[in-house]
C-alpha atoms as a PDB file:
ATOM      1  CA  MET A   1       0.000   0.000   0.000  1.00  0.00           C
ATOM      2  CA  ILE A   2       2.878   2.352   0.750  1.00  0.00           C
ATOM      3  CA  LEU A   3       4.494   1.655  -2.617  1.00  0.00           C
ATOM      4  CA  ALA A   4       1.177   2.118  -4.423  1.00  0.00           C
ATOM      5  CA  PHE A   5       0.806   5.458  -2.672  1.00  0.00           C
ATOM      6  CA  ALA A   6       4.333   6.394  -3.797  1.00  0.00           C
ATOM      7  CA  VAL A   7       3.453   5.571  -7.431  1.00  0.00           C
ATOM      8  CA  ARG A   8       0.341   7.756  -7.283  1.00  0.00           C
ATOM      9  CA  ARG A   9       2.410  10.612  -5.906  1.00  0.00           C
ATOM     10  CA  GLU A  10       4.996  10.044  -8.660  1.00  0.00           C
ATOM     11  CA  ILE A  11       7.710   9.433  -6.085  1.00  0.00           C
ATOM     12  CA  ILE A  12       8.656   6.140  -7.793  1.00  0.00           C
ATOM     13  CA  PRO A  13       7.904   5.135 -11.425  1.00  0.00           C
ATOM     14  CA  ARG A  14       6.319   1.729 -10.674  1.00  0.00           C
ATOM     15  CA  ASN A  15       5.294  -0.580  -7.862  1.00  0.00           C
ATOM     16  CA  PRO A  16       7.888  -3.388  -7.535  1.00  0.00           C
ATOM     17  CA  MET A  17       5.497  -5.450  -5.409  1.00  0.00           C
ATOM     18  CA  LYS A  18       3.476  -6.273  -8.524  1.00  0.00           C
ATOM     19  CA  GLU A  19       6.406  -8.373  -9.768  1.00  0.00           C
ATOM     20  CA  THR A  20       6.497 -10.544  -6.641  1.00  0.00           C
ATOM     21  CA  SER A  21       4.520 -13.623  -5.622  1.00  0.00           C
ATOM     22  CA  ARG A  22       3.625 -15.143  -2.285  1.00  0.00           C
ATOM     23  CA  MET A  23       6.144 -17.508  -0.756  1.00  0.00           C
ATOM     24  CA  LYS A  24       4.840 -21.045  -0.500  1.00  0.00           C
ATOM     25  CA  LYS A  25       4.593 -22.477   2.977  1.00  0.00           C
ATOM     26  CA  PRO A  26       6.506 -25.723   3.495  1.00  0.00           C
ATOM     27  CA  PRO A  27       4.209 -28.765   3.678  1.00  0.00           C
ATOM     28  CA  HIS A  28       2.988 -29.500   7.192  1.00  0.00           C
ATOM     29  CA  THR A  29       1.657 -32.833   8.399  1.00  0.00           C
ATOM     30  CA  PRO A  30      -0.109 -32.932  11.788  1.00  0.00           C
ATOM     31  CA  LYS A  31       1.425 -35.418  14.219  1.00  0.00           C
ATOM     32  CA  ALA A  32      -0.535 -37.282  16.872  1.00  0.00           C
ATOM     33  CA  LEU A  33       1.015 -38.807  19.965  1.00  0.00           C
ATOM     34  CA  THR A  34       1.893 -42.482  19.784  1.00  0.00           C
ATOM     35  CA  PRO A  35       0.554 -44.940  22.399  1.00  0.00           C
ATOM     36  CA  ASP A  36       4.053 -45.210  23.884  1.00  0.00           C
ATOM     37  CA  GLN A  37       4.335 -41.434  24.200  1.00  0.00           C
ATOM     38  CA  ILE A  38       0.926 -41.196  25.869  1.00  0.00           C
ATOM     39  CA  ALA A  39       1.883 -43.945  28.331  1.00  0.00           C
ATOM     40  CA  ALA A  40       5.185 -42.214  29.157  1.00  0.00           C
ATOM     41  CA  ILE A  41       3.463 -38.849  29.720  1.00  0.00           C
ATOM     42  CA  ARG A  42       0.807 -40.412  31.944  1.00  0.00           C
ATOM     43  CA  LEU A  43       3.426 -42.185  34.051  1.00  0.00           C
ATOM     44  CA  ALA A  44       5.598 -39.079  34.415  1.00  0.00           C
ATOM     45  CA  ALA A  45       2.542 -36.962  35.294  1.00  0.00           C
ATOM     46  CA  SER A  46       1.475 -39.397  38.020  1.00  0.00           C
ATOM     47  CA  GLU A  47       4.975 -39.350  39.546  1.00  0.00           C
ATOM     48  CA  TRP A  48       5.679 -35.620  39.210  1.00  0.00           C
ATOM     49  CA  ARG A  49       6.719 -34.190  42.590  1.00  0.00           C
ATOM     50  CA  MET A  50       5.532 -37.298  44.409  1.00  0.00           C
ATOM     51  CA  GLU A  51       8.923 -38.769  45.310  1.00  0.00           C
ATOM     52  CA  GLU A  52       9.481 -39.942  48.878  1.00  0.00           C
ATOM     53  CA  GLY A  53      11.531 -37.501  50.916  1.00  0.00           C
ATOM     54  CA  ARG A  54      11.054 -34.675  48.415  1.00  0.00           C
ATOM     55  CA  MET A  55      11.600 -31.178  49.804  1.00  0.00           C
ATOM     56  CA  GLY A  56       8.768 -28.701  49.303  1.00  0.00           C
ATOM     57  CA  PRO A  57       5.066 -29.192  48.585  1.00  0.00           C
ATOM     58  CA  ARG A  58       3.949 -32.356  46.840  1.00  0.00           C
ATOM     59  CA  SER A  59       1.928 -32.213  43.660  1.00  0.00           C
ATOM     60  CA  ASP A  60      -1.844 -31.883  44.027  1.00  0.00           C
ATOM     61  CA  GLY A  61      -2.317 -33.926  40.848  1.00  0.00           C
ATOM     62  CA  GLN A  62      -4.161 -31.213  38.958  1.00  0.00           C
ATOM     63  CA  VAL A  63      -1.908 -31.168  35.902  1.00  0.00           C
ATOM     64  CA  ARG A  64      -2.109 -34.962  35.751  1.00  0.00           C
ATOM     65  CA  ASP A  65      -5.916 -34.668  35.757  1.00  0.00           C
ATOM     66  CA  ILE A  66      -5.895 -31.862  33.187  1.00  0.00           C
ATOM     67  CA  ILE A  67      -3.862 -34.054  30.836  1.00  0.00           C
ATOM     68  CA  GLU A  68      -6.483 -36.807  31.122  1.00  0.00           C
ATOM     69  CA  VAL A  69      -9.358 -34.400  30.464  1.00  0.00           C
ATOM     70  CA  MET A  70      -7.608 -32.820  27.468  1.00  0.00           C
ATOM     71  CA  LEU A  71      -6.790 -36.241  26.075  1.00  0.00           C
ATOM     72  CA  GLY A  72     -10.394 -37.399  26.491  1.00  0.00           C
ATOM     73  CA  THR A  73     -12.096 -34.277  25.130  1.00  0.00           C
ATOM     74  CA  ALA A  74      -9.578 -32.836  22.618  1.00  0.00           C
ATOM     75  CA  THR A  75     -10.134 -29.398  24.126  1.00  0.00           C
ATOM     76  CA  ARG A  76      -7.817 -26.422  24.074  1.00  0.00           C
ATOM     77  CA  ILE A  77      -5.955 -25.856  27.335  1.00  0.00           C
ATOM     78  CA  GLY A  78      -8.001 -22.726  28.122  1.00  0.00           C
ATOM     79  CA  GLU A  79     -11.243 -24.602  27.449  1.00  0.00           C
ATOM     80  CA  ALA A  80     -10.292 -27.456  29.775  1.00  0.00           C
ATOM     81  CA  LEU A  81      -9.384 -25.022  32.545  1.00  0.00           C
ATOM     82  CA  ALA A  82     -12.704 -23.179  32.079  1.00  0.00           C
ATOM     83  CA  ILE A  83     -14.914 -26.223  32.752  1.00  0.00           C
ATOM     84  CA  ARG A  84     -17.267 -25.540  35.673  1.00  0.00           C
ATOM     85  CA  GLN A  85     -19.263 -27.883  37.849  1.00  0.00           C
ATOM     86  CA  CYS A  86     -22.466 -26.922  36.016  1.00  0.00           C
ATOM     87  CA  ASP A  87     -20.903 -27.797  32.633  1.00  0.00           C
ATOM     88  CA  VAL A  88     -20.656 -31.488  33.502  1.00  0.00           C
ATOM     89  CA  ASP A  89     -23.473 -34.024  33.148  1.00  0.00           C
ATOM     90  CA  LEU A  90     -22.334 -37.411  34.437  1.00  0.00           C
ATOM     91  CA  ASP A  91     -25.868 -38.831  34.353  1.00  0.00           C
ATOM     92  CA  ALA A  92     -26.084 -38.551  30.565  1.00  0.00           C
ATOM     93  CA  ASP A  93     -25.342 -41.547  28.354  1.00  0.00           C
ATOM     94  CA  PRO A  94     -22.517 -41.142  27.597  1.00  0.00           C
ATOM     95  CA  PRO A  95     -21.450 -38.604  30.240  1.00  0.00           C
ATOM     96  CA  ARG A  96     -20.762 -35.257  28.620  1.00  0.00           C
ATOM     97  CA  VAL A  97     -19.280 -31.840  29.171  1.00  0.00           C
ATOM     98  CA  ASN A  98     -20.445 -28.522  27.785  1.00  0.00           C
ATOM     99  CA  ILE A  99     -17.567 -26.432  26.387  1.00  0.00           C
ATOM    100  CA  SER A 100     -18.913 -22.918  26.788  1.00  0.00           C
ATOM    101  CA  GLY A 101     -15.940 -20.786  27.816  1.00  0.00           C
ATOM    102  CA  THR A 102     -12.186 -20.421  27.999  1.00  0.00           C
ATOM    103  CA  LEU A 103      -9.626 -18.874  30.327  1.00  0.00           C
ATOM    104  CA  VAL A 104      -7.932 -15.719  29.081  1.00  0.00           C
ATOM    105  CA  VAL A 105      -5.001 -13.814  30.551  1.00  0.00           C
ATOM    106  CA  HIS A 106      -4.881 -10.026  30.669  1.00  0.00           C
ATOM    107  CA  ASN A 107      -1.917  -8.077  32.005  1.00  0.00           C
ATOM    108  CA  LYS A 108      -4.054  -5.925  34.307  1.00  0.00           C
ATOM    109  CA  ALA A 109      -7.015  -8.178  35.058  1.00  0.00           C
ATOM    110  CA  GLY A 110      -5.052 -11.419  35.449  1.00  0.00           C
ATOM    111  CA  VAL A 111      -6.717 -14.746  34.607  1.00  0.00           C
ATOM    112  CA  HIS A 112     -10.483 -14.869  34.174  1.00  0.00           C
ATOM    113  CA  ARG A 113     -13.119 -17.025  32.496  1.00  0.00           C
ATOM    114  CA  GLN A 114     -14.425 -15.756  29.180  1.00  0.00           C
ATOM    115  CA  GLU A 115     -18.076 -16.666  28.588  1.00  0.00           C
ATOM    116  CA  HIS A 116     -17.414 -18.264  25.205  1.00  0.00           C
ATOM    117  CA  PRO A 117     -14.584 -20.407  23.761  1.00  0.00           C
ATOM    118  CA  LYS A 118     -12.008 -19.150  21.254  1.00  0.00           C
ATOM    119  CA  THR A 119     -14.828 -18.442  18.793  1.00  0.00           C
ATOM    120  CA  HIS A 120     -18.586 -18.366  19.326  1.00  0.00           C
ATOM    121  CA  GLU A 121     -18.864 -21.308  16.913  1.00  0.00           C
ATOM    122  CA  SER A 122     -16.696 -23.394  19.271  1.00  0.00           C
ATOM    123  CA  ASN A 123     -19.542 -23.886  21.765  1.00  0.00           C
ATOM    124  CA  ARG A 124     -20.182 -27.633  21.826  1.00  0.00           C
ATOM    125  CA  VAL A 125     -21.180 -30.607  23.967  1.00  0.00           C
ATOM    126  CA  ILE A 126     -18.687 -33.481  24.094  1.00  0.00           C
ATOM    127  CA  GLY A 127     -19.250 -37.075  25.137  1.00  0.00           C
ATOM    128  CA  MET A 128     -16.404 -38.267  27.348  1.00  0.00           C
ATOM    129  CA  PRO A 129     -14.539 -41.597  27.528  1.00  0.00           C
ATOM    130  CA  PRO A 130     -14.504 -43.467  30.865  1.00  0.00           C
ATOM    131  CA  PHE A 131     -10.990 -42.367  31.896  1.00  0.00           C
ATOM    132  CA  ALA A 132     -11.907 -38.670  31.587  1.00  0.00           C
ATOM    133  CA  VAL A 133     -15.236 -39.261  33.364  1.00  0.00           C
ATOM    134  CA  GLU A 134     -13.443 -40.852  36.322  1.00  0.00           C
ATOM    135  CA  VAL A 135     -11.062 -37.904  36.655  1.00  0.00           C
ATOM    136  CA  ILE A 136     -13.909 -35.380  36.553  1.00  0.00           C
ATOM    137  CA  ARG A 137     -15.920 -37.445  39.050  1.00  0.00           C
ATOM    138  CA  GLN A 138     -13.003 -37.224  41.492  1.00  0.00           C
ATOM    139  CA  ARG A 139     -12.649 -33.485  40.888  1.00  0.00           C
ATOM    140  CA  LEU A 140     -16.336 -32.967  41.698  1.00  0.00           C
ATOM    141  CA  THR A 141     -15.895 -34.534  45.139  1.00  0.00           C
ATOM    142  CA  LEU A 142     -13.656 -31.590  46.036  1.00  0.00           C
ATOM    143  CA  LEU A 143     -16.408 -29.036  45.349  1.00  0.00           C
ATOM    144  CA  ASP A 144     -19.483 -27.871  47.213  1.00  0.00           C
ATOM    145  CA  PRO A 145     -22.460 -29.138  45.134  1.00  0.00           C
ATOM    146  CA  GLY A 146     -24.149 -25.776  45.651  1.00  0.00           C
ATOM    147  CA  GLU A 147     -21.309 -23.852  43.988  1.00  0.00           C
ATOM    148  CA  THR A 148     -22.354 -24.754  40.454  1.00  0.00           C
ATOM    149  CA  GLU A 149     -20.212 -22.027  38.860  1.00  0.00           C
ATOM    150  CA  HIS A 150     -17.007 -23.233  40.513  1.00  0.00           C
ATOM    151  CA  LEU A 151     -14.204 -24.319  38.177  1.00  0.00           C
ATOM    152  CA  LEU A 152     -13.057 -27.939  38.255  1.00  0.00           C
ATOM    153  CA  PHE A 153      -9.425 -26.835  38.242  1.00  0.00           C
ATOM    154  CA  PHE A 154      -8.274 -24.015  40.495  1.00  0.00           C
ATOM    155  CA  SER A 155      -5.299 -22.666  42.411  1.00  0.00           C
ATOM    156  CA  ARG A 156      -4.594 -23.323  46.076  1.00  0.00           C
ATOM    157  CA  VAL A 157      -6.525 -20.140  46.953  1.00  0.00           C
ATOM    158  CA  GLY A 158      -9.495 -20.987  44.738  1.00  0.00           C
ATOM    159  CA  THR A 159      -8.696 -18.703  41.803  1.00  0.00           C
ATOM    160  CA  PRO A 160      -8.579 -19.815  38.119  1.00  0.00           C
ATOM    161  CA  LEU A 161      -5.526 -21.880  37.259  1.00  0.00           C
ATOM    162  CA  GLY A 162      -3.303 -20.024  34.795  1.00  0.00           C
ATOM    163  CA  PRO A 163      -2.578 -21.764  31.476  1.00  0.00           C
ATOM    164  CA  TYR A 164       1.055 -20.671  31.779  1.00  0.00           C
ATOM    165  CA  TYR A 165       1.372 -22.701  35.004  1.00  0.00           C
ATOM    166  CA  VAL A 166       0.047 -25.811  33.272  1.00  0.00           C
ATOM    167  CA  ARG A 167       2.387 -25.353  30.285  1.00  0.00           C
ATOM    168  CA  ARG A 168       5.409 -24.891  32.573  1.00  0.00           C
ATOM    169  CA  THR A 169       4.551 -27.999  34.567  1.00  0.00           C
ATOM    170  CA  PHE A 170       3.888 -29.941  31.364  1.00  0.00           C
ATOM    171  CA  ARG A 171       7.390 -29.122  30.115  1.00  0.00           C
ATOM    172  CA  GLU A 172       8.842 -30.542  33.337  1.00  0.00           C
ATOM    173  CA  ILE A 173       6.721 -33.674  32.937  1.00  0.00           C
ATOM    174  CA  LEU A 174       7.972 -34.119  29.363  1.00  0.00           C
ATOM    175  CA  ARG A 175      11.553 -33.814  30.553  1.00  0.00           C
ATOM    176  CA  ASN A 176      10.968 -36.469  33.201  1.00  0.00           C
ATOM    177  CA  ALA A 177       9.330 -38.687  30.563  1.00  0.00           C
ATOM    178  CA  GLY A 178      12.361 -38.402  28.266  1.00  0.00           C
ATOM    179  CA  LEU A 179      10.292 -36.647  25.578  1.00  0.00           C
ATOM    180  CA  GLU A 180      11.908 -33.222  25.689  1.00  0.00           C
ATOM    181  CA  GLY A 181      12.722 -31.648  22.317  1.00  0.00           C
ATOM    182  CA  LEU A 182      10.068 -33.553  20.346  1.00  0.00           C
ATOM    183  CA  ASN A 183       7.791 -30.541  19.846  1.00  0.00           C
ATOM    184  CA  ILE A 184       5.125 -32.009  22.125  1.00  0.00           C
ATOM    185  CA  THR A 185       2.788 -29.423  23.658  1.00  0.00           C
ATOM    186  CA  PRO A 186      -0.669 -29.507  25.291  1.00  0.00           C
ATOM    187  CA  TYR A 187      -1.998 -29.043  21.740  1.00  0.00           C
ATOM    188  CA  SER A 188      -0.672 -32.527  20.959  1.00  0.00           C
ATOM    189  CA  PHE A 189      -3.598 -34.006  22.925  1.00  0.00           C
ATOM    190  CA  ARG A 190      -5.984 -32.070  20.698  1.00  0.00           C
ATOM    191  CA  ARG A 191      -4.310 -33.431  17.564  1.00  0.00           C
ATOM    192  CA  THR A 192      -4.323 -36.931  19.002  1.00  0.00           C
ATOM    193  CA  GLY A 193      -8.051 -36.807  19.714  1.00  0.00           C
ATOM    194  CA  ALA A 194      -8.752 -35.402  16.254  1.00  0.00           C
ATOM    195  CA  THR A 195      -6.691 -38.139  14.611  1.00  0.00           C
ATOM    196  CA  LEU A 196      -8.433 -40.954  16.476  1.00  0.00           C
ATOM    197  CA  LEU A 197     -11.878 -39.584  15.648  1.00  0.00           C
ATOM    198  CA  ALA A 198     -11.048 -38.885  12.009  1.00  0.00           C
ATOM    199  CA  ASN A 199      -9.715 -42.402  11.486  1.00  0.00           C
ATOM    200  CA  GLU A 200     -12.632 -44.102  13.243  1.00  0.00           C
ATOM    201  CA  LEU A 201     -15.651 -41.886  12.517  1.00  0.00           C
ATOM    202  CA  GLY A 202     -14.578 -39.486   9.782  1.00  0.00           C
ATOM    203  CA  ILE A 203     -13.161 -35.980   9.486  1.00  0.00           C
ATOM    204  CA  ARG A 204     -16.573 -34.303   9.965  1.00  0.00           C
ATOM    205  CA  VAL A 205     -16.988 -35.850  13.423  1.00  0.00           C
ATOM    206  CA  ALA A 206     -13.443 -34.776  14.339  1.00  0.00           C
ATOM    207  CA  ALA A 207     -14.166 -31.204  13.204  1.00  0.00           C
ATOM    208  CA  ASP A 208     -17.356 -31.083  15.301  1.00  0.00           C
ATOM    209  CA  MET A 209     -15.464 -32.408  18.338  1.00  0.00           C
ATOM    210  CA  LEU A 210     -12.827 -29.697  17.982  1.00  0.00           C
ATOM    211  CA  GLY A 211     -15.352 -26.929  17.349  1.00  0.00           C
ATOM    212  CA  HIS A 212     -14.317 -26.247  13.754  1.00  0.00           C
ATOM    213  CA  THR A 213     -16.849 -24.967  11.234  1.00  0.00           C
ATOM    214  CA  SER A 214     -14.769 -26.341   8.358  1.00  0.00           C
ATOM    215  CA  THR A 215     -13.155 -29.750   7.967  1.00  0.00           C
ATOM    216  CA  SER A 216     -10.290 -28.177   6.018  1.00  0.00           C
ATOM    217  CA  THR A 217      -8.808 -26.706   9.212  1.00  0.00           C
ATOM    218  CA  THR A 218      -9.089 -30.051  10.986  1.00  0.00           C
ATOM    219  CA  LYS A 219      -7.496 -31.917   8.098  1.00  0.00           C
ATOM    220  CA  ALA A 220      -4.664 -29.439   7.537  1.00  0.00           C
ATOM    221  CA  HIS A 221      -3.621 -28.784  11.140  1.00  0.00           C
ATOM    222  CA  TYR A 222      -4.996 -31.450  13.484  1.00  0.00           C
ATOM    223  CA  ALA A 223      -5.780 -34.903  12.082  1.00  0.00           C
ATOM    224  CA  GLU A 224      -2.727 -36.947  11.149  1.00  0.00           C
ATOM    225  CA  PRO A 225      -3.386 -38.763   7.855  1.00  0.00           C
ATOM    226  CA  ASP A 226      -3.844 -42.513   8.016  1.00  0.00           C
ATOM    227  CA  ARG A 227      -1.086 -43.868   5.767  1.00  0.00           C
ATOM    228  CA  THR A 228      -2.136 -47.483   6.199  1.00  0.00           C
ATOM    229  CA  VAL A 229      -2.610 -49.211   2.868  1.00  0.00           C
ATOM    230  CA  LYS A 230      -5.649 -51.482   2.869  1.00  0.00           C
ATOM    231  CA  SER A 231      -4.414 -54.973   2.005  1.00  0.00           C
ATOM    232  CA  GLU A 232      -7.802 -56.545   1.329  1.00  0.00           C
ATOM    233  CA  TRP A 233      -8.347 -56.915  -2.417  1.00  0.00           C
ATOM    234  CA  PRO A 234     -11.803 -57.389  -3.875  1.00  0.00           C
ATOM    235  CA  CYS A 235     -12.554 -60.960  -4.793  1.00  0.00           C
ATOM    236  CA  PRO A 236     -12.727 -61.313  -8.598  1.00  0.00           C
ATOM    237  CA  ARG A 237     -15.834 -62.856 -10.031  1.00  0.00           C
END
């Protein structure tokens, strides 16, 4: 725009940007966690700061539980931390959770719950697998049933748990699991869930689970392609 303005003002004779083209992005293939990686992360999370004779406070297990919930719901880290008691329905079949908000961090206001996820279209209800249900059931026992707006995950003083705290702890867990430097982040659970759903039920189901309006986003950035070649040949007649 600046160069076009310069051409109109006769400062330069032509706009050199018209002779350029967009640089092509290198191909990117989403990567899901392998079963061995998931097992190693779960083990390291269960043992984090739980050693006998350890100096300082022991882990309260929250990050371990958050990992299980993210793995079972394919939610963003802010969405998982924003789940309230009233968002959970364990009597449904299957048990489900309503993703209706996310935690955001502001320099002046600190951490607070936003009343919608990343986008308004990301509002969704997710059926949960048994391992995530069990974790949430245990979290609910820590809350007063009358405090329906209370978050499932919270700090020692009852305030929202900052995403930066979870990410920092997760990096330590990865180091203990021997998985440091493999570009594994909390988003890896989201990609793993998307990949499993896409392979079993189709890309549309995976997109709905993740809160995407288009399957193209899910396919390009979340669901790892299934490279398995089907070995069953049709029987000739």
